[in-house]
């Protein structure tokens, strides 16, 4: 059985910062994604998935990201938990 990818610290950092940083959040939604993603240590697969997401809100982006994670992660890791 092939190992499933885990959420990288870079992806966790991106999500956390997008929640509190209005400019980052807006940039992720208005076409500045490629430039902004370079600030984070993301895996190539995470970068590709994020670039493919079309969303008009952080909630919509998070839902699409969660769908991808559920399809890629083992059952025990299918929910992002924030401390």
N, C-alpha and C. Protein backbone atom coordinates (compact mmCIF):
# COMPACT_ATOMS: atom_id res chain seq x y z
N UNK A 1 0.84 -1.18 0.00
CA UNK A 1 0.00 0.00 0.00
C UNK A 1 0.88 1.24 0.00
N UNK A 2 0.56 2.20 -0.86
CA UNK A 2 1.35 3.42 -0.97
C UNK A 2 0.99 4.37 0.16
N UNK A 3 2.00 5.03 0.75
CA UNK A 3 1.76 5.99 1.83
C UNK A 3 0.99 7.19 1.30
N UNK A 4 0.09 7.68 2.11
CA UNK A 4 -0.71 8.83 1.75
C UNK A 4 0.01 10.11 2.20
N UNK A 5 -0.13 11.20 1.43
CA UNK A 5 0.51 12.46 1.82
C UNK A 5 -0.11 13.05 3.07
N UNK A 6 0.68 13.75 3.84
CA UNK A 6 0.20 14.45 5.03
C UNK A 6 0.18 15.94 4.73
N UNK A 7 -0.57 16.67 5.52
CA UNK A 7 -0.59 18.13 5.39
C UNK A 7 0.74 18.66 5.86
N UNK A 8 1.37 19.44 5.02
CA UNK A 8 2.69 19.96 5.37
C UNK A 8 2.56 21.14 6.33
N UNK A 9 3.63 21.41 7.07
CA UNK A 9 3.63 22.60 7.92
C UNK A 9 3.39 23.88 7.11
N UNK A 10 3.87 23.90 5.86
CA UNK A 10 3.65 25.08 5.02
C UNK A 10 2.19 25.31 4.71
N UNK A 11 1.44 24.24 4.47
CA UNK A 11 0.01 24.37 4.21
C UNK A 11 -0.72 24.81 5.47
N UNK A 12 -0.35 24.25 6.60
CA UNK A 12 -0.94 24.67 7.86
C UNK A 12 -0.68 26.16 8.11
N UNK A 13 0.55 26.60 7.83
CA UNK A 13 0.90 28.01 8.01
C UNK A 13 0.08 28.89 7.07
N UNK A 14 -0.05 28.50 5.82
CA UNK A 14 -0.83 29.26 4.85
C UNK A 14 -2.27 29.43 5.32
N UNK A 15 -2.89 28.36 5.74
CA UNK A 15 -4.29 28.42 6.18
C UNK A 15 -4.42 29.31 7.41
N UNK A 16 -3.54 29.12 8.36
CA UNK A 16 -3.58 29.94 9.57
C UNK A 16 -3.40 31.42 9.28
N UNK A 17 -2.45 31.76 8.43
CA UNK A 17 -2.23 33.17 8.10
C UNK A 17 -3.38 33.75 7.29
N UNK A 18 -3.97 32.94 6.42
CA UNK A 18 -5.10 33.43 5.62
C UNK A 18 -6.29 33.78 6.49
N UNK A 19 -6.43 33.09 7.62
CA UNK A 19 -7.53 33.38 8.53
C UNK A 19 -7.37 34.76 9.15
N UNK A 20 -6.15 35.14 9.50
CA UNK A 20 -5.94 36.39 10.23
C UNK A 20 -5.42 37.54 9.38
N UNK A 21 -4.92 37.27 8.19
CA UNK A 21 -4.31 38.30 7.35
C UNK A 21 -5.24 38.62 6.17
N UNK A 22 -5.92 39.75 6.25
CA UNK A 22 -6.89 40.15 5.25
C UNK A 22 -6.27 40.27 3.86
N UNK A 23 -5.07 40.83 3.77
CA UNK A 23 -4.42 41.00 2.47
C UNK A 23 -4.05 39.66 1.84
N UNK A 24 -3.54 38.74 2.64
CA UNK A 24 -3.22 37.41 2.13
C UNK A 24 -4.49 36.72 1.65
N UNK A 25 -5.53 36.78 2.47
CA UNK A 25 -6.81 36.16 2.12
C UNK A 25 -7.33 36.72 0.80
N UNK A 26 -7.33 38.03 0.65
CA UNK A 26 -7.80 38.66 -0.58
C UNK A 26 -6.94 38.24 -1.77
N UNK A 27 -5.64 38.18 -1.58
CA UNK A 27 -4.74 37.79 -2.66
C UNK A 27 -4.96 36.36 -3.13
N UNK A 28 -5.27 35.48 -2.20
CA UNK A 28 -5.53 34.09 -2.57
C UNK A 28 -6.80 33.96 -3.41
N UNK A 29 -7.69 34.93 -3.27
CA UNK A 29 -8.98 34.87 -3.96
C UNK A 29 -9.05 35.74 -5.21
N UNK A 30 -8.08 36.63 -5.41
CA UNK A 30 -8.21 37.58 -6.52
C UNK A 30 -7.13 37.43 -7.60
N UNK A 31 -6.53 36.28 -7.69
CA UNK A 31 -5.59 36.06 -8.78
C UNK A 31 -4.13 36.25 -8.44
N UNK A 32 -3.80 36.53 -7.20
CA UNK A 32 -2.39 36.68 -6.80
C UNK A 32 -1.84 35.41 -6.16
N UNK A 33 -2.55 34.31 -6.31
CA UNK A 33 -2.17 33.06 -5.66
C UNK A 33 -0.74 32.64 -5.96
N UNK A 34 -0.38 32.63 -7.24
CA UNK A 34 0.95 32.14 -7.62
C UNK A 34 2.05 32.89 -6.87
N UNK A 35 1.93 34.18 -6.82
CA UNK A 35 2.92 35.02 -6.14
C UNK A 35 2.92 34.75 -4.63
N UNK A 36 1.75 34.65 -4.04
CA UNK A 36 1.64 34.49 -2.60
C UNK A 36 2.07 33.10 -2.13
N UNK A 37 1.77 32.09 -2.91
CA UNK A 37 2.12 30.72 -2.50
C UNK A 37 3.62 30.53 -2.40
N UNK A 38 4.39 31.34 -3.12
CA UNK A 38 5.84 31.26 -3.04
C UNK A 38 6.39 31.60 -1.67
N UNK A 39 5.58 32.24 -0.84
CA UNK A 39 6.02 32.61 0.52
C UNK A 39 5.96 31.43 1.49
N UNK A 40 5.35 30.34 1.06
CA UNK A 40 5.12 29.21 1.97
C UNK A 40 5.83 27.96 1.45
N UNK A 41 6.25 27.12 2.38
CA UNK A 41 6.96 25.89 2.05
C UNK A 41 5.94 24.79 1.77
N UNK A 42 5.37 24.81 0.57
CA UNK A 42 4.34 23.86 0.17
C UNK A 42 4.95 22.75 -0.68
N UNK A 43 4.32 21.58 -0.63
CA UNK A 43 4.74 20.51 -1.52
C UNK A 43 4.28 20.88 -2.93
N UNK A 44 4.91 20.31 -3.94
CA UNK A 44 4.45 20.58 -5.31
C UNK A 44 2.97 20.22 -5.51
N UNK A 45 2.53 19.13 -4.91
CA UNK A 45 1.14 18.72 -5.04
C UNK A 45 0.20 19.72 -4.37
N UNK A 46 0.56 20.21 -3.19
CA UNK A 46 -0.26 21.21 -2.51
C UNK A 46 -0.34 22.48 -3.35
N UNK A 47 0.78 22.90 -3.90
CA UNK A 47 0.82 24.11 -4.73
C UNK A 47 -0.10 23.93 -5.95
N UNK A 48 -0.02 22.75 -6.58
CA UNK A 48 -0.84 22.48 -7.76
C UNK A 48 -2.33 22.50 -7.40
N UNK A 49 -2.68 21.86 -6.30
CA UNK A 49 -4.09 21.83 -5.88
C UNK A 49 -4.57 23.24 -5.57
N UNK A 50 -3.79 24.00 -4.83
CA UNK A 50 -4.20 25.36 -4.48
C UNK A 50 -4.35 26.23 -5.73
N UNK A 51 -3.46 26.06 -6.70
CA UNK A 51 -3.57 26.85 -7.92
C UNK A 51 -4.81 26.47 -8.73
N UNK A 52 -5.28 25.24 -8.59
CA UNK A 52 -6.44 24.80 -9.36
C UNK A 52 -7.76 25.19 -8.71
N UNK A 53 -7.74 25.58 -7.46
CA UNK A 53 -8.97 25.93 -6.75
C UNK A 53 -9.47 27.30 -7.21
N UNK A 54 -10.73 27.32 -7.59
CA UNK A 54 -11.41 28.57 -7.93
C UNK A 54 -12.41 28.85 -6.82
N UNK A 55 -12.20 29.91 -6.07
CA UNK A 55 -13.07 30.21 -4.93
C UNK A 55 -13.24 31.72 -4.79
N UNK A 56 -14.40 32.12 -4.25
CA UNK A 56 -14.65 33.55 -4.03
C UNK A 56 -14.70 33.89 -2.54
N UNK A 57 -14.38 32.91 -1.70
CA UNK A 57 -14.32 33.15 -0.26
C UNK A 57 -13.33 32.17 0.35
N UNK A 58 -12.83 32.51 1.52
CA UNK A 58 -11.91 31.61 2.21
C UNK A 58 -12.62 30.31 2.57
N UNK A 59 -13.89 30.39 2.91
CA UNK A 59 -14.66 29.20 3.22
C UNK A 59 -14.75 28.26 2.03
N UNK A 60 -15.00 28.81 0.84
CA UNK A 60 -15.08 27.99 -0.37
C UNK A 60 -13.72 27.37 -0.68
N UNK A 61 -12.65 28.13 -0.52
CA UNK A 61 -11.31 27.60 -0.74
C UNK A 61 -11.05 26.46 0.24
N UNK A 62 -11.41 26.65 1.51
CA UNK A 62 -11.19 25.63 2.53
C UNK A 62 -11.99 24.37 2.23
N UNK A 63 -13.22 24.52 1.74
CA UNK A 63 -14.04 23.35 1.41
C UNK A 63 -13.40 22.53 0.30
N UNK A 64 -12.91 23.21 -0.72
CA UNK A 64 -12.28 22.50 -1.83
C UNK A 64 -10.98 21.84 -1.39
N UNK A 65 -10.23 22.52 -0.54
CA UNK A 65 -9.00 21.95 -0.02
C UNK A 65 -9.31 20.73 0.86
N UNK A 66 -10.35 20.83 1.68
CA UNK A 66 -10.76 19.71 2.52
C UNK A 66 -11.18 18.52 1.67
N UNK A 67 -11.88 18.76 0.58
CA UNK A 67 -12.28 17.67 -0.32
C UNK A 67 -11.05 16.95 -0.88
N UNK A 68 -10.06 17.74 -1.28
CA UNK A 68 -8.82 17.13 -1.78
C UNK A 68 -8.15 16.31 -0.68
N UNK A 69 -8.06 16.89 0.51
CA UNK A 69 -7.41 16.17 1.61
C UNK A 69 -8.14 14.87 1.92
N UNK A 70 -9.44 14.89 1.89
CA UNK A 70 -10.20 13.67 2.16
C UNK A 70 -9.95 12.61 1.10
N UNK A 71 -9.76 13.03 -0.11
CA UNK A 71 -9.51 12.05 -1.17
C UNK A 71 -8.08 11.50 -1.12
N UNK A 72 -7.18 12.23 -0.49
CA UNK A 72 -5.76 11.85 -0.45
C UNK A 72 -5.31 11.25 0.87
N UNK A 73 -6.07 11.44 1.93
CA UNK A 73 -5.62 11.05 3.26
C UNK A 73 -6.30 9.76 3.72
N UNK A 74 -5.61 8.99 4.57
CA UNK A 74 -6.27 7.85 5.20
C UNK A 74 -7.41 8.34 6.09
N UNK A 75 -8.36 7.52 6.35
CA UNK A 75 -9.55 7.88 7.14
C UNK A 75 -9.20 8.60 8.44
N UNK A 76 -8.16 8.16 9.13
CA UNK A 76 -7.82 8.73 10.44
C UNK A 76 -7.31 10.17 10.35
N UNK A 77 -6.94 10.66 9.15
CA UNK A 77 -6.39 12.01 9.03
C UNK A 77 -7.25 12.89 8.14
N UNK A 78 -8.52 12.59 7.99
CA UNK A 78 -9.34 13.28 7.01
C UNK A 78 -9.89 14.62 7.45
N UNK A 79 -9.66 15.03 8.65
CA UNK A 79 -10.20 16.31 9.10
C UNK A 79 -9.05 17.18 9.59
N UNK A 80 -9.02 18.40 9.10
CA UNK A 80 -8.02 19.35 9.58
C UNK A 80 -8.48 19.81 10.96
N UNK A 81 -7.60 19.74 11.90
CA UNK A 81 -7.93 20.21 13.24
C UNK A 81 -7.03 21.37 13.57
N UNK A 82 -7.61 22.40 14.10
CA UNK A 82 -6.85 23.58 14.47
C UNK A 82 -6.85 23.69 15.98
N UNK A 83 -5.69 24.01 16.53
CA UNK A 83 -5.58 24.15 17.99
C UNK A 83 -6.15 25.47 18.43
